[in-house]
Protein backbone atom coordinates (compact mmCIF):
# COMPACT_ATOMS: atom_id res chain seq x y z
CA MET A 1 2.56 -3.10 40.08
CA LYS A 2 5.04 -0.97 38.11
CA LEU A 3 6.01 -2.22 34.63
CA GLU A 4 8.44 -0.88 32.06
CA LEU A 5 6.99 0.30 28.74
CA PHE A 6 8.94 0.87 25.51
CA GLN A 7 7.49 2.33 22.31
CA ILE A 8 9.58 1.47 19.26
CA ASP A 9 9.27 2.37 15.57
CA THR A 10 10.17 -0.60 13.36
CA PHE A 11 11.16 -1.26 9.76
CA THR A 12 12.62 2.24 9.67
CA GLU A 13 15.79 4.16 10.45
CA GLU A 14 13.98 7.21 11.84
CA ILE A 15 11.27 7.88 14.40
CA PHE A 16 7.75 8.79 13.26
CA ARG A 17 8.16 6.32 10.39
CA GLY A 18 7.65 2.58 10.02
CA ASN A 19 5.28 0.73 12.35
CA SER A 20 5.10 1.59 16.03
CA ALA A 21 4.82 -1.15 18.66
CA CYS A 22 4.78 -1.09 22.44
CA VAL A 23 6.84 -3.63 24.38
CA VAL A 24 6.19 -4.64 27.99
CA PRO A 25 8.70 -7.03 29.66
CA LEU A 26 7.16 -9.22 32.38
CA LYS A 27 8.38 -11.47 35.18
CA ASN A 28 5.16 -13.49 35.26
CA TRP A 29 2.11 -13.58 33.02
CA LEU A 30 -0.78 -11.32 33.88
CA PRO A 31 -4.37 -12.40 33.13
CA ASP A 32 -5.18 -12.26 29.40
CA GLU A 33 -7.89 -9.70 30.10
CA THR A 34 -5.29 -7.39 31.65
CA LEU A 35 -2.88 -7.85 28.73
CA LEU A 36 -5.67 -6.95 26.32
CA LYS A 37 -6.59 -3.86 28.34
CA ILE A 38 -2.95 -2.71 28.30
CA ALA A 39 -2.83 -3.17 24.52
CA CYS A 40 -6.06 -1.22 24.16
CA GLU A 41 -4.75 1.59 26.38
CA ASN A 42 -1.50 1.77 24.37
CA ALA A 43 -3.58 2.36 21.20
CA VAL A 44 -0.93 1.17 18.73
CA ALA A 45 -1.33 -1.66 16.23
CA GLU A 46 0.43 -4.22 18.46
CA THR A 47 1.73 -4.53 22.01
CA ALA A 48 4.27 -7.29 22.70
CA PHE A 49 4.66 -8.93 26.11
CA PHE A 50 7.58 -11.23 26.87
CA ILE A 51 9.20 -13.18 29.69
CA ASP A 52 12.93 -13.87 29.39
CA HIS A 53 13.67 -17.44 30.51
CA GLY A 54 17.36 -17.26 29.57
CA ASP A 55 17.73 -19.72 26.69
CA THR A 56 14.36 -18.77 25.25
CA VAL A 57 11.98 -15.84 25.51
CA HIS A 58 8.21 -16.42 25.69
CA LEU A 59 6.59 -13.80 23.45
CA ARG A 60 2.95 -12.87 22.88
CA TRP A 61 1.31 -10.17 20.73
CA PHE A 62 -1.94 -8.28 21.30
CA THR A 63 -3.83 -5.77 19.17
CA PRO A 64 -6.29 -3.49 21.00
CA GLU A 65 -8.92 -6.16 20.19
CA ILE A 66 -7.38 -9.67 20.07
CA GLU A 67 -4.30 -11.80 20.67
CA MET A 68 -2.43 -12.46 17.39
CA ASP A 69 -0.81 -15.68 16.21
CA LEU A 70 2.11 -13.83 14.57
CA CYS A 71 3.36 -10.25 14.39
CA GLY A 72 6.55 -9.20 12.64
CA HIS A 73 6.97 -5.60 13.70
CA ALA A 74 6.30 -6.29 17.39
CA THR A 75 8.82 -9.15 17.27
CA LEU A 76 11.39 -6.75 15.83
CA ALA A 77 10.47 -4.21 18.53
CA SER A 78 10.90 -6.83 21.26
CA ALA A 79 14.34 -7.78 19.98
CA HIS A 80 15.36 -4.12 19.77
CA CYS A 81 14.10 -3.56 23.32
CA MET A 82 16.17 -6.46 24.67
CA ILE A 83 19.35 -5.47 22.84
CA SER A 84 19.15 -1.68 23.24
CA HIS A 85 17.60 -1.34 26.69
CA LEU A 86 17.75 -4.59 28.69
CA ASN A 87 21.42 -5.46 28.20
CA TYR A 88 20.76 -8.75 26.37
CA GLN A 89 24.20 -10.03 25.39
CA ASN A 90 23.60 -12.65 22.69
CA SER A 91 23.46 -11.84 18.99
CA ARG A 92 20.59 -14.33 18.56
CA ILE A 93 17.26 -14.32 20.39
CA VAL A 94 15.00 -17.41 20.41
CA PHE A 95 11.34 -16.54 20.90
CA GLU A 96 8.72 -19.15 21.82
CA THR A 97 5.39 -18.07 20.33
CA LYS A 98 1.98 -19.25 19.10
CA SER A 99 3.66 -19.68 15.68
CA GLY A 100 6.37 -21.89 17.13
CA GLU A 101 10.04 -21.05 17.62
CA LEU A 102 11.11 -17.77 15.99
CA THR A 103 14.74 -16.65 15.93
CA VAL A 104 16.07 -13.14 15.51
CA ASP A 105 19.72 -12.56 14.59
CA ILE A 106 21.20 -9.13 15.16
CA LYS A 107 23.98 -7.83 12.92
CA ASP A 108 25.10 -4.32 11.92
CA GLY A 109 21.94 -2.71 13.24
CA PHE A 110 19.60 -5.08 11.39
CA TYR A 111 17.24 -7.58 12.99
CA TYR A 112 16.92 -10.75 10.88
CA MET A 113 13.70 -12.58 11.77
CA ASP A 114 13.16 -16.20 10.80
CA PHE A 115 9.44 -16.80 10.17
CA PRO A 116 7.25 -19.58 8.73
CA SER A 117 6.54 -19.48 5.00
CA ARG A 118 2.88 -19.22 3.98
CA MET A 119 2.62 -19.57 0.21
CA PRO A 120 -0.81 -18.28 -0.83
CA GLU A 121 -3.04 -20.38 -3.07
CA PRO A 122 -5.46 -19.19 -5.80
CA ALA A 123 -8.77 -18.12 -4.26
CA VAL A 124 -12.11 -16.46 -4.99
CA LEU A 125 -12.45 -12.92 -3.70
CA PRO A 126 -15.44 -12.49 -1.36
CA ASP A 127 -17.97 -9.97 -2.65
CA THR A 128 -17.63 -7.90 0.51
CA ILE A 129 -13.92 -7.33 -0.08
CA ALA A 130 -14.44 -6.63 -3.80
CA GLN A 131 -17.18 -4.08 -3.06
CA SER A 132 -14.96 -2.26 -0.55
CA LEU A 133 -12.17 -1.61 -3.11
CA ASN A 134 -12.09 1.20 -5.66
CA ILE A 135 -9.71 -0.81 -7.90
CA GLN A 136 -10.18 -4.53 -8.52
CA PRO A 137 -7.18 -6.90 -8.41
CA LYS A 138 -5.75 -8.79 -11.36
CA GLU A 139 -5.33 -12.00 -9.32
CA VAL A 140 -6.53 -13.28 -5.94
CA PHE A 141 -4.74 -15.65 -3.56
CA LYS A 142 -5.14 -16.64 0.08
CA SER A 143 -3.08 -18.01 2.95
CA ARG A 144 -3.82 -16.54 6.37
CA ASP A 145 -4.50 -13.28 4.53
CA TYR A 146 -6.17 -12.54 1.22
CA VAL A 147 -3.37 -11.56 -1.20
CA LEU A 148 -4.63 -9.31 -4.00
CA VAL A 149 -2.21 -8.84 -6.89
CA TYR A 150 -2.16 -5.68 -9.01
CA GLU A 151 -0.17 -4.63 -12.07
CA SER A 152 1.67 -1.56 -10.77
CA GLU A 153 2.88 0.36 -7.74
CA GLU A 154 0.76 3.29 -8.90
CA GLU A 155 -2.40 1.21 -8.47
CA ILE A 156 -1.37 0.21 -4.95
CA ARG A 157 -0.88 3.88 -4.03
CA LYS A 158 -4.32 4.80 -5.44
CA ILE A 159 -6.30 2.06 -3.67
CA THR A 160 -8.96 3.27 -1.26
CA VAL A 161 -11.03 1.06 1.01
CA GLN A 162 -14.63 1.71 2.02
CA ARG A 163 -14.42 0.70 5.64
CA SER A 164 -18.16 0.55 6.23
CA VAL A 165 -18.29 -2.26 3.64
CA LEU A 166 -15.06 -4.06 4.58
CA ASP A 167 -16.10 -4.13 8.25
CA LEU A 168 -18.93 -6.51 7.30
CA ILE A 169 -16.43 -9.37 6.93
CA ASN A 170 -14.56 -10.96 9.84
CA LEU A 171 -11.07 -12.15 8.90
CA ASP A 172 -9.62 -12.74 12.41
CA PRO A 173 -6.70 -13.05 12.69
CA GLY A 174 -5.93 -12.26 9.04
CA GLY A 175 -6.45 -9.33 6.72
CA VAL A 176 -6.26 -8.12 3.15
CA VAL A 177 -2.89 -7.40 1.53
CA VAL A 178 -2.65 -5.63 -1.83
CA THR A 179 0.62 -5.99 -3.71
CA ALA A 180 2.37 -5.30 -7.01
CA PRO A 181 5.89 -5.10 -8.50
CA GLY A 182 7.73 -2.00 -7.25
CA THR A 183 9.47 0.80 -9.13
CA ASP A 184 12.51 1.13 -6.83
CA SER A 185 11.91 -2.13 -4.95
CA ASP A 186 11.13 -5.70 -5.94
CA PHE A 187 7.55 -5.43 -4.70
CA VAL A 188 5.28 -3.15 -2.71
CA SER A 189 2.25 -3.76 -0.53
CA ARG A 190 -0.40 -2.31 1.76
CA TYR A 191 -2.31 -4.18 4.47
CA PHE A 192 -5.85 -3.77 5.80
CA THR A 193 -7.52 -5.41 8.82
CA PRO A 194 -11.28 -4.82 9.03
CA GLN A 195 -11.48 -6.31 12.55
CA SER A 196 -8.96 -3.79 13.93
CA SER A 197 -9.45 -0.24 15.20
CA ILE A 198 -6.46 0.68 12.99
CA LEU A 199 -7.70 -0.20 9.48
CA GLU A 200 -4.39 0.10 7.58
CA ASP A 201 -1.36 -1.38 9.28
CA PRO A 202 1.70 0.80 8.55
CA VAL A 203 4.22 -2.05 8.03
CA THR A 204 3.28 -5.72 8.32
CA GLY A 205 6.04 -8.28 8.81
CA SER A 206 3.64 -11.25 9.03
CA SER A 207 2.04 -10.55 5.62
CA HIS A 208 5.50 -11.02 4.09
CA CYS A 209 5.36 -14.67 5.16
CA SER A 210 3.12 -14.96 2.08
CA LEU A 211 4.48 -12.14 -0.06
CA ILE A 212 8.08 -13.40 0.01
CA PRO A 213 7.45 -16.92 -1.36
CA PHE A 214 4.90 -15.52 -3.83
CA TRP A 215 7.18 -12.88 -5.37
CA SER A 216 10.26 -15.10 -5.07
CA SER A 217 8.46 -17.62 -7.29
CA ARG A 218 7.35 -14.90 -9.74
CA PHE A 219 10.76 -13.27 -10.02
CA GLY A 220 12.88 -16.43 -9.78
CA LYS A 221 15.13 -15.08 -7.03
CA ASP A 222 15.34 -15.57 -3.28
CA LYS A 223 16.59 -12.18 -2.01
CA LEU A 224 14.10 -9.33 -2.32
CA PHE A 225 13.69 -5.74 -1.16
CA ALA A 226 10.17 -4.60 -0.32
CA ARG A 227 8.40 -1.38 0.58
CA GLN A 228 5.09 -0.99 2.37
CA LEU A 229 3.29 2.05 1.02
CA SER A 230 1.34 3.24 4.06
CA GLU A 231 1.48 6.89 5.09
CA ARG A 232 4.35 6.12 7.50
CA GLY A 233 6.06 3.72 5.07
CA GLY A 234 8.59 1.00 5.75
CA GLN A 235 11.43 -1.02 4.24
CA LEU A 236 11.80 -4.79 4.52
CA TYR A 237 14.78 -6.89 3.45
CA CYS A 238 13.54 -10.34 2.56
CA GLU A 239 14.82 -13.81 1.73
CA ASN A 240 12.95 -16.93 0.68
CA LYS A 241 14.20 -20.08 2.42
CA ASP A 242 11.91 -22.88 1.20
CA LYS A 243 9.69 -23.57 4.23
CA ARG A 244 10.88 -20.45 6.07
CA VAL A 245 11.32 -16.79 5.21
CA MET A 246 13.69 -14.16 6.57
CA VAL A 247 12.37 -10.66 7.16
CA ALA A 248 14.87 -8.00 8.24
CA GLY A 249 14.66 -4.37 9.22
CA LYS A 250 15.90 -1.71 11.59
CA ALA A 251 14.25 -0.01 14.56
CA ARG A 252 14.38 3.19 16.61
CA THR A 253 13.15 3.80 20.16
CA TYR A 254 10.54 6.53 20.43
CA SER A 255 9.85 6.52 24.16
CA VAL A 256 10.65 4.75 27.43
CA GLY A 257 8.38 4.88 30.47
CA HIS A 258 6.32 2.96 32.99
CA LEU A 259 2.78 1.83 33.57
CA TRP A 260 1.04 0.92 36.80
CA ILE A 261 -1.33 -2.06 37.16
CA GLU A 262 -3.45 -2.63 40.26
């Protein structure tokens, strides 16, 4: 069986930046074991698989280890794939996912993704996470992810994680996001997933489901610009919408090819 394969860099305007995702359009679902093997072989943070049913598109996301309940950058990559390579004609795409119905509106080169809001609540930081960090947070919150709040962008840049310690905790399907006010953005973040072969995710759309309502409440404004401070870096244009959030960004195609499944 010959399948198309697209590798797309997201939350960026240039290749080799942002977060890379693979996208595989399907006609029918393959066994979950096969989908997971494809994701593992692709060796990027996320591989998206979708089936276009016309009015809606059934979308699923896989890391090299597990199926995810929500992934922002692979959703953006899927939308970019449909618009740029598969001749999709509508300016809105409706995805059916494990996190419910997600819409993506396309305008002026931006992909505006409508996601659920996940306001984090005050929490106690597990000792394992605390021991893995070289700098301790000022505040701790939790939704799907642990949200660790720091005082400055400089601290976020200086954070190092001792993986051998962090790997002792299982946070499937969540992770640890560190965040602070930005210098040339409203806020910055980095994201770590101990259960993943890729420890630091370059740009994480799903973590902003918590970061957007959190910083919107702190700053008293709904429209925010964010940067993720990984080595590849990324830019996210955000809006708080009560029970929903909007996360927007751009994308660039890195490669187009095929894979063969027996």
